[in-house]
Amino acid sequence: MVSLAEDYLASRRRLGFDLRCSGRRLLDFARFSDRAGHQGPLTAPSRAWLQRRRVVPGSPLFGLIAATGLRISEALNLRRADVDLDHGLLMISETKYRKSRVVPLHPTVVQELGRYV
């Protein structure tokens, strides 16, 4: 799986995409799948890989993704400085296509994040 991931990343970079963060995560997942000896559909290793990062139903990270529509990579890259609980906003930077955006948070999400941080 690692060689397939490396080939894919090389192709994307030749097309002009900068995939530093996404590339690391993809390679991490590919190594995880190889260590597990997985062959076939990626559903099972995907679930195990996400569970290892605590992106599972019931976790604060899963709830944040579900409530805001963030991509997994965006949620995993969040830092404390990106969260403005006073104004109910998330600052998302280095997103897909190198854009940044501000994501408004529902008051219930602000409350849960306040308990988490």
PDB file of N, CA and C in Angstrom:
ATOM      1  N   MET A   1       0.826  -1.187   0.000  1.00  0.00           N
ATOM      2  CA  MET A   1       0.000   0.000   0.000  1.00  0.00           C
ATOM      3  C   MET A   1       0.874   1.256   0.000  1.00  0.00           C
ATOM      4  N   VAL A   2       2.027   1.224   0.686  1.00  0.00           N
ATOM      5  CA  VAL A   2       2.885   2.401   0.749  1.00  0.00           C
ATOM      6  C   VAL A   2       3.359   2.798  -0.650  1.00  0.00           C
ATOM      7  N   SER A   3       3.725   1.820  -1.464  1.00  0.00           N
ATOM      8  CA  SER A   3       4.197   2.163  -2.821  1.00  0.00           C
ATOM      9  C   SER A   3       3.076   2.781  -3.647  1.00  0.00           C
ATOM     10  N   LEU A   4       1.851   2.311  -3.474  1.00  0.00           N
ATOM     11  CA  LEU A   4       0.712   2.906  -4.190  1.00  0.00           C
ATOM     12  C   LEU A   4       0.485   4.347  -3.732  1.00  0.00           C
ATOM     13  N   ALA A   5       0.589   4.565  -2.432  1.00  0.00           N
ATOM     14  CA  ALA A   5       0.401   5.909  -1.890  1.00  0.00           C
ATOM     15  C   ALA A   5       1.505   6.847  -2.392  1.00  0.00           C
ATOM     16  N   GLU A   6       2.744   6.364  -2.417  1.00  0.00           N
ATOM     17  CA  GLU A   6       3.849   7.194  -2.903  1.00  0.00           C
ATOM     18  C   GLU A   6       3.666   7.537  -4.380  1.00  0.00           C
ATOM     19  N   ASP A   7       3.226   6.560  -5.188  1.00  0.00           N
ATOM     20  CA  ASP A   7       2.972   6.816  -6.612  1.00  0.00           C
ATOM     21  C   ASP A   7       1.874   7.856  -6.781  1.00  0.00           C
ATOM     22  N   TYR A   8       0.813   7.721  -6.002  1.00  0.00           N
ATOM     23  CA  TYR A   8      -0.293   8.674  -6.073  1.00  0.00           C
ATOM     24  C   TYR A   8       0.171  10.087  -5.713  1.00  0.00           C
ATOM     25  N   LEU A   9       0.916  10.201  -4.627  1.00  0.00           N
ATOM     26  CA  LEU A   9       1.402  11.514  -4.190  1.00  0.00           C
ATOM     27  C   LEU A   9       2.349  12.124  -5.217  1.00  0.00           C
ATOM     28  N   ALA A  10       3.202  11.314  -5.802  1.00  0.00           N
ATOM     29  CA  ALA A  10       4.118  11.818  -6.834  1.00  0.00           C
ATOM     30  C   ALA A  10       3.330  12.337  -8.035  1.00  0.00           C
ATOM     31  N   SER A  11       2.292  11.628  -8.419  1.00  0.00           N
ATOM     32  CA  SER A  11       1.452  12.073  -9.545  1.00  0.00           C
ATOM     33  C   SER A  11       0.784  13.402  -9.220  1.00  0.00           C
ATOM     34  N   ARG A  12       0.240  13.523  -8.025  1.00  0.00           N
ATOM     35  CA  ARG A  12      -0.428  14.765  -7.628  1.00  0.00           C
ATOM     36  C   ARG A  12       0.555  15.931  -7.584  1.00  0.00           C
ATOM     37  N   ARG A  13       1.745  15.686  -7.093  1.00  0.00           N
ATOM     38  CA  ARG A  13       2.737  16.760  -7.024  1.00  0.00           C
ATOM     39  C   ARG A  13       3.178  17.184  -8.430  1.00  0.00           C
ATOM     40  N   ARG A  14       3.308  16.215  -9.353  1.00  0.00           N
ATOM     41  CA  ARG A  14       3.651  16.562 -10.736  1.00  0.00           C
ATOM     42  C   ARG A  14       2.586  17.455 -11.357  1.00  0.00           C
ATOM     43  N   LEU A  15       1.351  17.311 -10.898  1.00  0.00           N
ATOM     44  CA  LEU A  15       0.259  18.143 -11.396  1.00  0.00           C
ATOM     45  C   LEU A  15       0.214  19.507 -10.714  1.00  0.00           C
ATOM     46  N   GLY A  16       1.109  19.725  -9.735  1.00  0.00           N
ATOM     47  CA  GLY A  16       1.193  21.031  -9.097  1.00  0.00           C
ATOM     48  C   GLY A  16       0.544  21.131  -7.735  1.00  0.00           C
ATOM     49  N   PHE A  17       0.069  20.036  -7.181  1.00  0.00           N
ATOM     50  CA  PHE A  17      -0.553  20.063  -5.865  1.00  0.00           C
ATOM     51  C   PHE A  17       0.507  19.973  -4.779  1.00  0.00           C
ATOM     52  N   ASP A  18       0.345  20.756  -3.719  1.00  0.00           N
ATOM     53  CA  ASP A  18       1.231  20.701  -2.560  1.00  0.00           C
ATOM     54  C   ASP A  18       0.516  19.881  -1.499  1.00  0.00           C
ATOM     55  N   LEU A  19       0.983  18.674  -1.262  1.00  0.00           N
ATOM     56  CA  LEU A  19       0.261  17.743  -0.388  1.00  0.00           C
ATOM     57  C   LEU A  19       1.044  17.385   0.864  1.00  0.00           C
ATOM     58  N   ARG A  20       1.739  18.346   1.446  1.00  0.00           N
ATOM     59  CA  ARG A  20       2.552  18.017   2.622  1.00  0.00           C
ATOM     60  C   ARG A  20       1.737  17.331   3.710  1.00  0.00           C
ATOM     61  N   CYS A  21       0.689  17.985   4.210  1.00  0.00           N
ATOM     62  CA  CYS A  21      -0.100  17.399   5.305  1.00  0.00           C
ATOM     63  C   CYS A  21      -0.844  16.162   4.841  1.00  0.00           C
ATOM     64  N   SER A  22      -1.559  16.269   3.744  1.00  0.00           N
ATOM     65  CA  SER A  22      -2.325  15.139   3.242  1.00  0.00           C
ATOM     66  C   SER A  22      -1.407  13.980   2.897  1.00  0.00           C
ATOM     67  N   GLY A  23      -0.237  14.295   2.383  1.00  0.00           N
ATOM     68  CA  GLY A  23       0.704  13.238   2.039  1.00  0.00           C
ATOM     69  C   GLY A  23       1.176  12.467   3.253  1.00  0.00           C
ATOM     70  N   ARG A  24       1.455  13.172   4.323  1.00  0.00           N
ATOM     71  CA  ARG A  24       1.895  12.481   5.550  1.00  0.00           C
ATOM     72  C   ARG A  24       0.799  11.579   6.088  1.00  0.00           C
ATOM     73  N   ARG A  25      -0.413  12.068   6.091  1.00  0.00           N
ATOM     74  CA  ARG A  25      -1.519  11.272   6.623  1.00  0.00           C
ATOM     75  C   ARG A  25      -1.786  10.050   5.750  1.00  0.00           C
ATOM     76  N   LEU A  26      -1.724  10.235   4.446  1.00  0.00           N
ATOM     77  CA  LEU A  26      -1.944   9.113   3.540  1.00  0.00           C
ATOM     78  C   LEU A  26      -0.868   8.054   3.725  1.00  0.00           C
ATOM     79  N   LEU A  27       0.380   8.488   3.826  1.00  0.00           N
ATOM     80  CA  LEU A  27       1.468   7.525   4.038  1.00  0.00           C
ATOM     81  C   LEU A  27       1.354   6.836   5.396  1.00  0.00           C
ATOM     82  N   ASP A  28       0.929   7.576   6.413  1.00  0.00           N
ATOM     83  CA  ASP A  28       0.716   6.982   7.730  1.00  0.00           C
ATOM     84  C   ASP A  28      -0.350   5.895   7.644  1.00  0.00           C
ATOM     85  N   PHE A  29      -1.433   6.189   6.954  1.00  0.00           N
ATOM     86  CA  PHE A  29      -2.501   5.201   6.783  1.00  0.00           C
ATOM     87  C   PHE A  29      -2.003   3.995   5.981  1.00  0.00           C
ATOM     88  N   ALA A  30      -1.224   4.241   4.931  1.00  0.00           N
ATOM     89  CA  ALA A  30      -0.707   3.146   4.112  1.00  0.00           C
ATOM     90  C   ALA A  30       0.213   2.241   4.936  1.00  0.00           C
ATOM     91  N   ARG A  31       1.084   2.841   5.750  1.00  0.00           N
ATOM     92  CA  ARG A  31       1.961   2.029   6.613  1.00  0.00           C
ATOM     93  C   ARG A  31       1.139   1.215   7.613  1.00  0.00           C
ATOM     94  N   PHE A  32       0.113   1.846   8.187  1.00  0.00           N
ATOM     95  CA  PHE A  32      -0.769   1.152   9.127  1.00  0.00           C
ATOM     96  C   PHE A  32      -1.413  -0.057   8.446  1.00  0.00           C
ATOM     97  N   SER A  33      -1.916   0.126   7.228  1.00  0.00           N
ATOM     98  CA  SER A  33      -2.562  -0.965   6.491  1.00  0.00           C
ATOM     99  C   SER A  33      -1.573  -2.072   6.176  1.00  0.00           C
ATOM    100  N   ASP A  34      -0.347  -1.691   5.778  1.00  0.00           N
ATOM    101  CA  ASP A  34       0.673  -2.698   5.485  1.00  0.00           C
ATOM    102  C   ASP A  34       1.032  -3.500   6.732  1.00  0.00           C
ATOM    103  N   ARG A  35       1.213  -2.809   7.873  1.00  0.00           N
ATOM    104  CA  ARG A  35       1.548  -3.519   9.119  1.00  0.00           C
ATOM    105  C   ARG A  35       0.434  -4.485   9.517  1.00  0.00           C
ATOM    106  N   ALA A  36      -0.800  -4.085   9.242  1.00  0.00           N
ATOM    107  CA  ALA A  36      -1.936  -4.944   9.585  1.00  0.00           C
ATOM    108  C   ALA A  36      -2.084  -6.098   8.604  1.00  0.00           C
ATOM    109  N   GLY A  37      -1.320  -6.042   7.497  1.00  0.00           N
ATOM    110  CA  GLY A  37      -1.403  -7.098   6.495  1.00  0.00           C
ATOM    111  C   GLY A  37      -2.719  -7.070   5.735  1.00  0.00           C
ATOM    112  N   HIS A  38      -3.330  -5.931   5.666  1.00  0.00           N
ATOM    113  CA  HIS A  38      -4.648  -5.833   5.053  1.00  0.00           C
ATOM    114  C   HIS A  38      -4.573  -5.882   3.536  1.00  0.00           C
ATOM    115  N   GLN A  39      -5.519  -6.620   2.958  1.00  0.00           N
ATOM    116  CA  GLN A  39      -5.708  -6.665   1.511  1.00  0.00           C
ATOM    117  C   GLN A  39      -7.198  -6.618   1.263  1.00  0.00           C
ATOM    118  N   GLY A  40      -7.605  -5.889   0.241  1.00  0.00           N
ATOM    119  CA  GLY A  40      -9.030  -5.796  -0.078  1.00  0.00           C
ATOM    120  C   GLY A  40      -9.569  -4.414   0.225  1.00  0.00           C
ATOM    121  N   PRO A  41     -10.894  -4.308   0.394  1.00  0.00           N
ATOM    122  CA  PRO A  41     -11.507  -2.987   0.651  1.00  0.00           C
ATOM    123  C   PRO A  41     -10.915  -2.346   1.903  1.00  0.00           C
ATOM    124  N   LEU A  42     -10.883  -1.040   1.916  1.00  0.00           N
ATOM    125  CA  LEU A  42     -10.201  -0.322   2.987  1.00  0.00           C
ATOM    126  C   LEU A  42     -11.099   0.047   4.164  1.00  0.00           C
ATOM    127  N   THR A  43     -12.309  -0.445   4.216  1.00  0.00           N
ATOM    128  CA  THR A  43     -13.229  -0.058   5.279  1.00  0.00           C
ATOM    129  C   THR A  43     -12.690  -0.431   6.662  1.00  0.00           C
ATOM    130  N   ALA A  44     -12.267  -1.655   6.851  1.00  0.00           N
ATOM    131  CA  ALA A  44     -11.806  -2.099   8.171  1.00  0.00           C
ATOM    132  C   ALA A  44     -10.556  -1.352   8.637  1.00  0.00           C
ATOM    133  N   PRO A  45      -9.488  -1.252   7.805  1.00  0.00           N
ATOM    134  CA  PRO A  45      -8.324  -0.507   8.299  1.00  0.00           C
ATOM    135  C   PRO A  45      -8.621   0.976   8.469  1.00  0.00           C
ATOM    136  N   SER A  46      -9.522   1.522   7.657  1.00  0.00           N
ATOM    137  CA  SER A  46      -9.874   2.933   7.823  1.00  0.00           C
ATOM    138  C   SER A  46     -10.477   3.158   9.195  1.00  0.00           C
ATOM    139  N   ARG A  47     -11.378   2.304   9.583  1.00  0.00           N
ATOM    140  CA  ARG A  47     -12.034   2.429  10.887  1.00  0.00           C
ATOM    141  C   ARG A  47     -11.009   2.295  12.007  1.00  0.00           C
ATOM    142  N   ALA A  48     -10.115   1.322  11.905  1.00  0.00           N
ATOM    143  CA  ALA A  48      -9.099   1.117  12.946  1.00  0.00           C
ATOM    144  C   ALA A  48      -8.137   2.307  13.013  1.00  0.00           C
ATOM    145  N   TRP A  49      -7.759   2.840  11.847  1.00  0.00           N
ATOM    146  CA  TRP A  49      -6.843   3.985  11.799  1.00  0.00           C
ATOM    147  C   TRP A  49      -7.487   5.200  12.445  1.00  0.00           C
ATOM    148  N   LEU A  50      -8.763   5.439  12.165  1.00  0.00           N
ATOM    149  CA  LEU A  50      -9.460   6.570  12.765  1.00  0.00           C
ATOM    150  C   LEU A  50      -9.652   6.370  14.266  1.00  0.00           C
ATOM    151  N   GLN A  51      -9.935   5.139  14.685  1.00  0.00           N
ATOM    152  CA  GLN A  51     -10.095   4.869  16.109  1.00  0.00           C
ATOM    153  C   GLN A  51      -8.800   5.130  16.856  1.00  0.00           C
ATOM    154  N   ARG A  52      -7.685   4.803  16.229  1.00  0.00           N
ATOM    155  CA  ARG A  52      -6.392   5.045  16.862  1.00  0.00           C
ATOM    156  C   ARG A  52      -6.174   6.534  17.110  1.00  0.00           C
ATOM    157  N   ARG A  53      -6.789   7.377  16.292  1.00  0.00           N
ATOM    158  CA  ARG A  53      -6.677   8.829  16.444  1.00  0.00           C
ATOM    159  C   ARG A  53      -7.866   9.417  17.185  1.00  0.00           C
ATOM    160  N   ARG A  54      -8.692   8.558  17.757  1.00  0.00           N
ATOM    161  CA  ARG A  54      -9.877   8.963  18.526  1.00  0.00           C
ATOM    162  C   ARG A  54     -10.887   9.747  17.701  1.00  0.00           C
ATOM    163  N   VAL A  55     -10.977   9.434  16.405  1.00  0.00           N
ATOM    164  CA  VAL A  55     -12.005  10.023  15.550  1.00  0.00           C
ATOM    165  C   VAL A  55     -13.101   8.958  15.429  1.00  0.00           C
ATOM    166  N   VAL A  56     -13.822   8.737  16.506  1.00  0.00           N
ATOM    167  CA  VAL A  56     -14.862   7.716  16.542  1.00  0.00           C
ATOM    168  C   VAL A  56     -16.146   8.347  17.080  1.00  0.00           C
ATOM    169  N   PRO A  57     -17.288   7.745  16.723  1.00  0.00           N
ATOM    170  CA  PRO A  57     -18.546   8.275  17.269  1.00  0.00           C
ATOM    171  C   PRO A  57     -18.472   8.402  18.783  1.00  0.00           C
ATOM    172  N   GLY A  58     -18.929   9.539  19.278  1.00  0.00           N
ATOM    173  CA  GLY A  58     -18.904   9.793  20.711  1.00  0.00           C
ATOM    174  C   GLY A  58     -17.703  10.603  21.163  1.00  0.00           C
ATOM    175  N   SER A  59     -16.674  10.706  20.317  1.00  0.00           N
ATOM    176  CA  SER A  59     -15.498  11.481  20.708  1.00  0.00           C
ATOM    177  C   SER A  59     -15.724  12.949  20.384  1.00  0.00           C
ATOM    178  N   PRO A  60     -15.059  13.845  21.115  1.00  0.00           N
ATOM    179  CA  PRO A  60     -15.196  15.274  20.812  1.00  0.00           C
ATOM    180  C   PRO A  60     -14.790  15.604  19.368  1.00  0.00           C
ATOM    181  N   LEU A  61     -13.749  14.942  18.867  1.00  0.00           N
ATOM    182  CA  LEU A  61     -13.302  15.217  17.510  1.00  0.00           C
ATOM    183  C   LEU A  61     -14.348  14.789  16.485  1.00  0.00           C
ATOM    184  N   PHE A  62     -14.947  13.639  16.691  1.00  0.00           N
ATOM    185  CA  PHE A  62     -16.003  13.170  15.784  1.00  0.00           C
ATOM    186  C   PHE A  62     -17.189  14.127  15.833  1.00  0.00           C
ATOM    187  N   GLY A  63     -17.561  14.559  17.029  1.00  0.00           N
ATOM    188  CA  GLY A  63     -18.665  15.508  17.175  1.00  0.00           C
ATOM    189  C   GLY A  63     -18.381  16.818  16.471  1.00  0.00           C
ATOM    190  N   LEU A  64     -17.138  17.297  16.567  1.00  0.00           N
ATOM    191  CA  LEU A  64     -16.756  18.531  15.891  1.00  0.00           C
ATOM    192  C   LEU A  64     -16.871  18.384  14.374  1.00  0.00           C
ATOM    193  N   ILE A  65     -16.404  17.268  13.852  1.00  0.00           N
ATOM    194  CA  ILE A  65     -16.491  17.009  12.416  1.00  0.00           C
ATOM    195  C   ILE A  65     -17.953  16.946  11.975  1.00  0.00           C
ATOM    196  N   ALA A  66     -18.767  16.248  12.754  1.00  0.00           N
ATOM    197  CA  ALA A  66     -20.185  16.109  12.404  1.00  0.00           C
ATOM    198  C   ALA A  66     -20.920  17.443  12.476  1.00  0.00           C
ATOM    199  N   ALA A  67     -20.596  18.275  13.453  1.00  0.00           N
ATOM    200  CA  ALA A  67     -21.323  19.532  13.655  1.00  0.00           C
ATOM    201  C   ALA A  67     -20.877  20.642  12.712  1.00  0.00           C
ATOM    202  N   THR A  68     -19.634  20.575  12.230  1.00  0.00           N
ATOM    203  CA  THR A  68     -19.105  21.684  11.425  1.00  0.00           C
ATOM    204  C   THR A  68     -18.870  21.349   9.964  1.00  0.00           C
ATOM    205  N   GLY A  69     -18.810  20.058   9.644  1.00  0.00           N
ATOM    206  CA  GLY A  69     -18.509  19.678   8.268  1.00  0.00           C
ATOM    207  C   GLY A  69     -17.033  19.765   7.927  1.00  0.00           C
ATOM    208  N   LEU A  70     -16.179  19.843   8.961  1.00  0.00           N
ATOM    209  CA  LEU A  70     -14.736  19.887   8.701  1.00  0.00           C
ATOM    210  C   LEU A  70     -14.280  18.585   8.068  1.00  0.00           C
ATOM    211  N   ARG A  71     -13.241  18.666   7.270  1.00  0.00           N
ATOM    212  CA  ARG A  71     -12.581  17.461   6.785  1.00  0.00           C
ATOM    213  C   ARG A  71     -11.784  16.882   7.960  1.00  0.00           C
ATOM    214  N   ILE A  72     -11.543  15.590   7.929  1.00  0.00           N
ATOM    215  CA  ILE A  72     -10.795  14.949   9.017  1.00  0.00           C
ATOM    216  C   ILE A  72      -9.430  15.611   9.172  1.00  0.00           C
ATOM    217  N   SER A  73      -8.755  15.872   8.050  1.00  0.00           N
ATOM    218  CA  SER A  73      -7.422  16.485   8.131  1.00  0.00           C
ATOM    219  C   SER A  73      -7.495  17.875   8.760  1.00  0.00           C
ATOM    220  N   GLU A  74      -8.567  18.628   8.478  1.00  0.00           N
ATOM    221  CA  GLU A  74      -8.710  19.956   9.072  1.00  0.00           C
ATOM    222  C   GLU A  74      -8.898  19.852  10.582  1.00  0.00           C
ATOM    223  N   ALA A  75      -9.709  18.914  11.006  1.00  0.00           N
ATOM    224  CA  ALA A  75      -9.946  18.734  12.442  1.00  0.00           C
ATOM    225  C   ALA A  75      -8.684  18.261  13.150  1.00  0.00           C
ATOM    226  N   LEU A  76      -7.953  17.351  12.542  1.00  0.00           N
ATOM    227  CA  LEU A  76      -6.730  16.838  13.158  1.00  0.00           C
ATOM    228  C   LEU A  76      -5.633  17.898  13.240  1.00  0.00           C
ATOM    229  N   ASN A  77      -5.667  18.871  12.336  1.00  0.00           N
ATOM    230  CA  ASN A  77      -4.645  19.918  12.328  1.00  0.00           C
ATOM    231  C   ASN A  77      -4.998  21.119  13.188  1.00  0.00           C
ATOM    232  N   LEU A  78      -6.161  21.128  13.823  1.00  0.00           N
ATOM    233  CA  LEU A  78      -6.547  22.262  14.657  1.00  0.00           C
ATOM    234  C   LEU A  78      -5.605  22.403  15.853  1.00  0.00           C
ATOM    235  N   ARG A  79      -5.308  23.635  16.181  1.00  0.00           N
ATOM    236  CA  ARG A  79      -4.524  23.967  17.371  1.00  0.00           C
ATOM    237  C   ARG A  79      -5.393  24.820  18.277  1.00  0.00           C
ATOM    238  N   ARG A  80      -5.039  24.925  19.529  1.00  0.00           N
ATOM    239  CA  ARG A  80      -5.835  25.709  20.487  1.00  0.00           C
ATOM    240  C   ARG A  80      -6.008  27.150  20.010  1.00  0.00           C
ATOM    241  N   ALA A  81      -4.994  27.695  19.383  1.00  0.00           N
ATOM    242  CA  ALA A  81      -5.068  29.076  18.907  1.00  0.00           C
ATOM    243  C   ALA A  81      -6.091  29.251  17.779  1.00  0.00           C
ATOM    244  N   ASP A  82      -6.510  28.165  17.145  1.00  0.00           N
ATOM    245  CA  ASP A  82      -7.492  28.233  16.054  1.00  0.00           C
ATOM    246  C   ASP A  82      -8.928  28.299  16.566  1.00  0.00           C
ATOM    247  N   VAL A  83      -9.113  28.115  17.858  1.00  0.00           N
ATOM    248  CA  VAL A  83     -10.458  28.042  18.440  1.00  0.00           C
ATOM    249  C   VAL A  83     -10.742  29.317  19.234  1.00  0.00           C
ATOM    250  N   ASP A  84     -11.787  30.038  18.830  1.00  0.00           N
ATOM    251  CA  ASP A  84     -12.207  31.252  19.535  1.00  0.00           C
ATOM    252  C   ASP A  84     -13.578  30.977  20.156  1.00  0.00           C
ATOM    253  N   LEU A  85     -13.563  30.504  21.385  1.00  0.00           N
ATOM    254  CA  LEU A  85     -14.818  30.151  22.051  1.00  0.00           C
ATOM    255  C   LEU A  85     -15.640  31.381  22.411  1.00  0.00           C
ATOM    256  N   ASP A  86     -14.987  32.507  22.667  1.00  0.00           N
ATOM    257  CA  ASP A  86     -15.715  33.730  23.018  1.00  0.00           C
ATOM    258  C   ASP A  86     -16.627  34.193  21.885  1.00  0.00           C
ATOM    259  N   HIS A  87     -16.171  34.026  20.658  1.00  0.00           N
ATOM    260  CA  HIS A  87     -16.960  34.439  19.500  1.00  0.00           C
ATOM    261  C   HIS A  87     -17.592  33.260  18.774  1.00  0.00           C
ATOM    262  N   GLY A  88     -17.318  32.038  19.206  1.00  0.00           N
ATOM    263  CA  GLY A  88     -17.892  30.850  18.582  1.00  0.00           C
ATOM    264  C   GLY A  88     -17.392  30.619  17.170  1.00  0.00           C
ATOM    265  N   LEU A  89     -16.063  30.687  16.996  1.00  0.00           N
ATOM    266  CA  LEU A  89     -15.484  30.558  15.657  1.00  0.00           C
ATOM    267  C   LEU A  89     -14.277  29.624  15.662  1.00  0.00           C
ATOM    268  N   LEU A  90     -14.097  28.931  14.549  1.00  0.00           N
ATOM    269  CA  LEU A  90     -12.883  28.162  14.292  1.00  0.00           C
ATOM    270  C   LEU A  90     -12.173  28.809  13.121  1.00  0.00           C
ATOM    271  N   MET A  91     -10.863  28.975  13.221  1.00  0.00           N
ATOM    272  CA  MET A  91     -10.074  29.460  12.110  1.00  0.00           C
ATOM    273  C   MET A  91      -9.388  28.255  11.473  1.00  0.00           C
ATOM    274  N   ILE A  92      -9.775  27.958  10.255  1.00  0.00           N
ATOM    275  CA  ILE A  92      -9.224  26.811   9.534  1.00  0.00           C
ATOM    276  C   ILE A  92      -8.250  27.354   8.502  1.00  0.00           C
ATOM    277  N   SER A  93      -6.992  26.909   8.580  1.00  0.00           N
ATOM    278  CA  SER A  93      -5.997  27.383   7.617  1.00  0.00           C
ATOM    279  C   SER A  93      -5.372  26.200   6.905  1.00  0.00           C
ATOM    280  N   GLU A  94      -4.724  26.508   5.788  1.00  0.00           N
ATOM    281  CA  GLU A  94      -4.071  25.466   4.982  1.00  0.00           C
ATOM    282  C   GLU A  94      -5.053  24.356   4.624  1.00  0.00           C
ATOM    283  N   THR A  95      -6.236  24.751   4.141  1.00  0.00           N
ATOM    284  CA  THR A  95      -7.236  23.762   3.754  1.00  0.00           C
ATOM    285  C   THR A  95      -6.959  23.278   2.343  1.00  0.00           C
ATOM    286  N   LYS A  96      -7.874  22.494   1.847  1.00  0.00           N
ATOM    287  CA  LYS A  96      -7.786  22.037   0.471  1.00  0.00           C
ATOM    288  C   LYS A  96      -7.679  23.262  -0.431  1.00  0.00           C
ATOM    289  N   TYR A  97      -6.854  23.201  -1.402  1.00  0.00           N
ATOM    290  CA  TYR A  97      -6.596  24.301  -2.341  1.00  0.00           C
ATOM    291  C   TYR A  97      -5.950  25.508  -1.658  1.00  0.00           C
ATOM    292  N   ARG A  98      -5.296  25.282  -0.501  1.00  0.00           N
ATOM    293  CA  ARG A  98      -4.530  26.312   0.213  1.00  0.00           C
ATOM    294  C   ARG A  98      -5.365  27.525   0.622  1.00  0.00           C
ATOM    295  N   LYS A  99      -6.595  27.303   0.934  1.00  0.00           N
ATOM    296  CA  LYS A  99      -7.447  28.408   1.367  1.00  0.00           C
ATOM    297  C   LYS A  99      -7.620  28.356   2.881  1.00  0.00           C
ATOM    298  N   SER A 100      -7.994  29.486   3.430  1.00  0.00           N
ATOM    299  CA  SER A 100      -8.316  29.564   4.850  1.00  0.00           C
ATOM    300  C   SER A 100      -9.759  30.022   4.964  1.00  0.00           C
ATOM    301  N   ARG A 101     -10.384  29.650   6.065  1.00  0.00           N
ATOM    302  CA  ARG A 101     -11.762  30.077   6.263  1.00  0.00           C
ATOM    303  C   ARG A 101     -12.082  30.119   7.750  1.00  0.00           C
ATOM    304  N   VAL A 102     -13.159  30.813   8.071  1.00  0.00           N
ATOM    305  CA  VAL A 102     -13.647  30.887   9.436  1.00  0.00           C
ATOM    306  C   VAL A 102     -14.952  30.094   9.481  1.00  0.00           C
ATOM    307  N   VAL A 103     -15.068  29.218  10.471  1.00  0.00           N
ATOM    308  CA  VAL A 103     -16.249  28.372  10.609  1.00  0.00           C
ATOM    309  C   VAL A 103     -16.998  28.787  11.868  1.00  0.00           C
ATOM    310  N   PRO A 104     -18.253  29.236  11.714  1.00  0.00           N
ATOM    311  CA  PRO A 104     -19.042  29.575  12.911  1.00  0.00           C
ATOM    312  C   PRO A 104     -19.475  28.298  13.631  1.00  0.00           C
ATOM    313  N   LEU A 105     -19.573  28.382  14.941  1.00  0.00           N
ATOM    314  CA  LEU A 105     -19.936  27.228  15.760  1.00  0.00           C
ATOM    315  C   LEU A 105     -21.297  27.444  16.409  1.00  0.00           C
ATOM    316  N   HIS A 106     -22.089  26.398  16.450  1.00  0.00           N
ATOM    317  CA  HIS A 106     -23.362  26.424  17.161  1.00  0.00           C
ATOM    318  C   HIS A 106     -23.054  26.538  18.660  1.00  0.00           C
ATOM    319  N   PRO A 107     -23.901  27.219  19.416  1.00  0.00           N
ATOM    320  CA  PRO A 107     -23.643  27.369  20.859  1.00  0.00           C
ATOM    321  C   PRO A 107     -23.418  26.039  21.593  1.00  0.00           C
ATOM    322  N   THR A 108     -24.099  24.977  21.174  1.00  0.00           N
ATOM    323  CA  THR A 108     -23.887  23.687  21.843  1.00  0.00           C
ATOM    324  C   THR A 108     -22.492  23.139  21.566  1.00  0.00           C
ATOM    325  N   VAL A 109     -21.955  23.433  20.370  1.00  0.00           N
ATOM    326  CA  VAL A 109     -20.594  23.006  20.040  1.00  0.00           C
ATOM    327  C   VAL A 109     -19.588  23.802  20.868  1.00  0.00           C
ATOM    328  N   VAL A 110     -19.833  25.100  21.016  1.00  0.00           N
ATOM    329  CA  VAL A 110     -18.976  25.942  21.844  1.00  0.00           C
ATOM    330  C   VAL A 110     -18.941  25.402  23.275  1.00  0.00           C
ATOM    331  N   GLN A 111     -20.106  25.040  23.781  1.00  0.00           N
ATOM    332  CA  GLN A 111     -20.193  24.503  25.143  1.00  0.00           C
ATOM    333  C   GLN A 111     -19.383  23.223  25.283  1.00  0.00           C
ATOM    334  N   GLU A 112     -19.522  22.302  24.318  1.00  0.00           N
ATOM    335  CA  GLU A 112     -18.776  21.037  24.383  1.00  0.00           C
ATOM    336  C   GLU A 112     -17.278  21.270  24.247  1.00  0.00           C
ATOM    337  N   LEU A 113     -16.896  22.155  23.330  1.00  0.00           N
ATOM    338  CA  LEU A 113     -15.469  22.445  23.174  1.00  0.00           C
ATOM    339  C   LEU A 113     -14.894  23.080  24.426  1.00  0.00           C
ATOM    340  N   GLY A 114     -15.694  23.913  25.091  1.00  0.00           N
ATOM    341  CA  GLY A 114     -15.259  24.525  26.339  1.00  0.00           C
ATOM    342  C   GLY A 114     -14.926  23.479  27.398  1.00  0.00           C
ATOM    343  N   ARG A 115     -15.672  22.403  27.406  1.00  0.00           N
ATOM    344  CA  ARG A 115     -15.381  21.307  28.356  1.00  0.00           C
ATOM    345  C   ARG A 115     -14.156  20.525  27.947  1.00  0.00           C
ATOM    346  N   TYR A 116     -13.929  20.444  26.646  1.00  0.00           N
ATOM    347  CA  TYR A 116     -12.822  19.643  26.120  1.00  0.00           C
ATOM    348  C   TYR A 116     -11.478  20.353  26.291  1.00  0.00           C
ATOM    349  N   VAL A 117     -11.463  21.675  26.030  1.00  0.00           N
ATOM    350  CA  VAL A 117     -10.193  22.416  26.122  1.00  0.00           C
ATOM    351  C   VAL A 117     -10.016  22.858  27.530  1.00  0.00           C
TER     352      VAL A 117
END
